[in-house]
Amino acid sequence: MRVRLIVDGREIPLNGYVQKVFANVISALISTLKGVDESWKSVEVELER
């Protein structure tokens, strides 16, 4: 999986380990949601504070 982190319009470089952690955590969260097809291709998550 490819993971990109963009904060305030600036892409933050992620090493392989961090990409894997993000991907695994987000995939696990998504897999528990009703209505999400298990063969999903991409996910976008947007956070505002």
C-alpha atoms as a PDB file:
ATOM      1  CA  MET A   1       0.000   0.000   0.000  1.00  0.00           C
ATOM      2  CA  ARG A   2       1.084   3.554  -0.674  1.00  0.00           C
ATOM      3  CA  VAL A   3       0.462   6.122   2.060  1.00  0.00           C
ATOM      4  CA  ARG A   4       0.833   9.898   1.705  1.00  0.00           C
ATOM      5  CA  LEU A   5       0.578  12.365   4.568  1.00  0.00           C
ATOM      6  CA  ILE A   6      -0.128  15.988   3.652  1.00  0.00           C
ATOM      7  CA  VAL A   7      -0.253  18.565   6.440  1.00  0.00           C
ATOM      8  CA  ASP A   8      -1.383  22.094   5.584  1.00  0.00           C
ATOM      9  CA  GLY A   9      -0.666  21.427   1.909  1.00  0.00           C
ATOM     10  CA  ARG A  10       2.860  20.112   2.509  1.00  0.00           C
ATOM     11  CA  GLU A  11       3.644  16.432   1.937  1.00  0.00           C
ATOM     12  CA  ILE A  12       5.447  14.880   4.881  1.00  0.00           C
ATOM     13  CA  PRO A  13       7.941  12.156   3.910  1.00  0.00           C
ATOM     14  CA  LEU A  14       7.202   8.801   5.530  1.00  0.00           C
ATOM     15  CA  ASN A  15       9.645   5.932   5.762  1.00  0.00           C
ATOM     16  CA  GLY A  16       8.551   2.381   4.977  1.00  0.00           C
ATOM     17  CA  TYR A  17       7.835   1.473   8.600  1.00  0.00           C
ATOM     18  CA  VAL A  18       5.578   4.486   9.191  1.00  0.00           C
ATOM     19  CA  GLN A  19       3.743   3.874   5.896  1.00  0.00           C
ATOM     20  CA  LYS A  20       3.122   0.277   6.941  1.00  0.00           C
ATOM     21  CA  VAL A  21       1.815   1.323  10.382  1.00  0.00           C
ATOM     22  CA  PHE A  22      -0.550   3.920   8.879  1.00  0.00           C
ATOM     23  CA  ALA A  23      -1.765   1.446   6.257  1.00  0.00           C
ATOM     24  CA  ASN A  24      -2.386  -1.347   8.757  1.00  0.00           C
ATOM     25  CA  VAL A  25      -4.187   0.840  11.309  1.00  0.00           C
ATOM     26  CA  ILE A  26      -6.422   2.528   8.726  1.00  0.00           C
ATOM     27  CA  SER A  27      -7.163  -0.778   6.972  1.00  0.00           C
ATOM     28  CA  ALA A  28      -8.135  -2.371  10.279  1.00  0.00           C
ATOM     29  CA  LEU A  29     -10.454   0.516  11.141  1.00  0.00           C
ATOM     30  CA  ILE A  30     -12.096   0.460   7.711  1.00  0.00           C
ATOM     31  CA  SER A  31     -12.616  -3.297   7.773  1.00  0.00           C
ATOM     32  CA  THR A  32     -14.864  -2.947  10.845  1.00  0.00           C
ATOM     33  CA  LEU A  33     -17.245  -0.472   9.187  1.00  0.00           C
ATOM     34  CA  LYS A  34     -20.572  -1.690   7.847  1.00  0.00           C
ATOM     35  CA  GLY A  35     -21.206  -0.866   4.215  1.00  0.00           C
ATOM     36  CA  VAL A  36     -17.549  -0.844   3.165  1.00  0.00           C
ATOM     37  CA  ASP A  37     -16.802  -3.308   0.383  1.00  0.00           C
ATOM     38  CA  GLU A  38     -13.896  -5.522   1.422  1.00  0.00           C
ATOM     39  CA  SER A  39     -12.347  -5.091  -2.040  1.00  0.00           C
ATOM     40  CA  TRP A  40     -11.916  -1.300  -1.675  1.00  0.00           C
ATOM     41  CA  LYS A  41      -9.157   0.283  -3.760  1.00  0.00           C
ATOM     42  CA  SER A  42      -8.417   3.639  -2.117  1.00  0.00           C
ATOM     43  CA  VAL A  43      -9.342   5.621   0.982  1.00  0.00           C
ATOM     44  CA  GLU A  44      -9.152   9.333   1.710  1.00  0.00           C
ATOM     45  CA  VAL A  45      -9.164  10.587   5.267  1.00  0.00           C
ATOM     46  CA  GLU A  46      -9.299  14.307   5.986  1.00  0.00           C
ATOM     47  CA  LEU A  47      -8.857  15.786   9.456  1.00  0.00           C
ATOM     48  CA  GLU A  48      -9.435  19.411  10.389  1.00  0.00           C
ATOM     49  CA  ARG A  49      -8.696  21.022  13.660  1.00  0.00           C
END
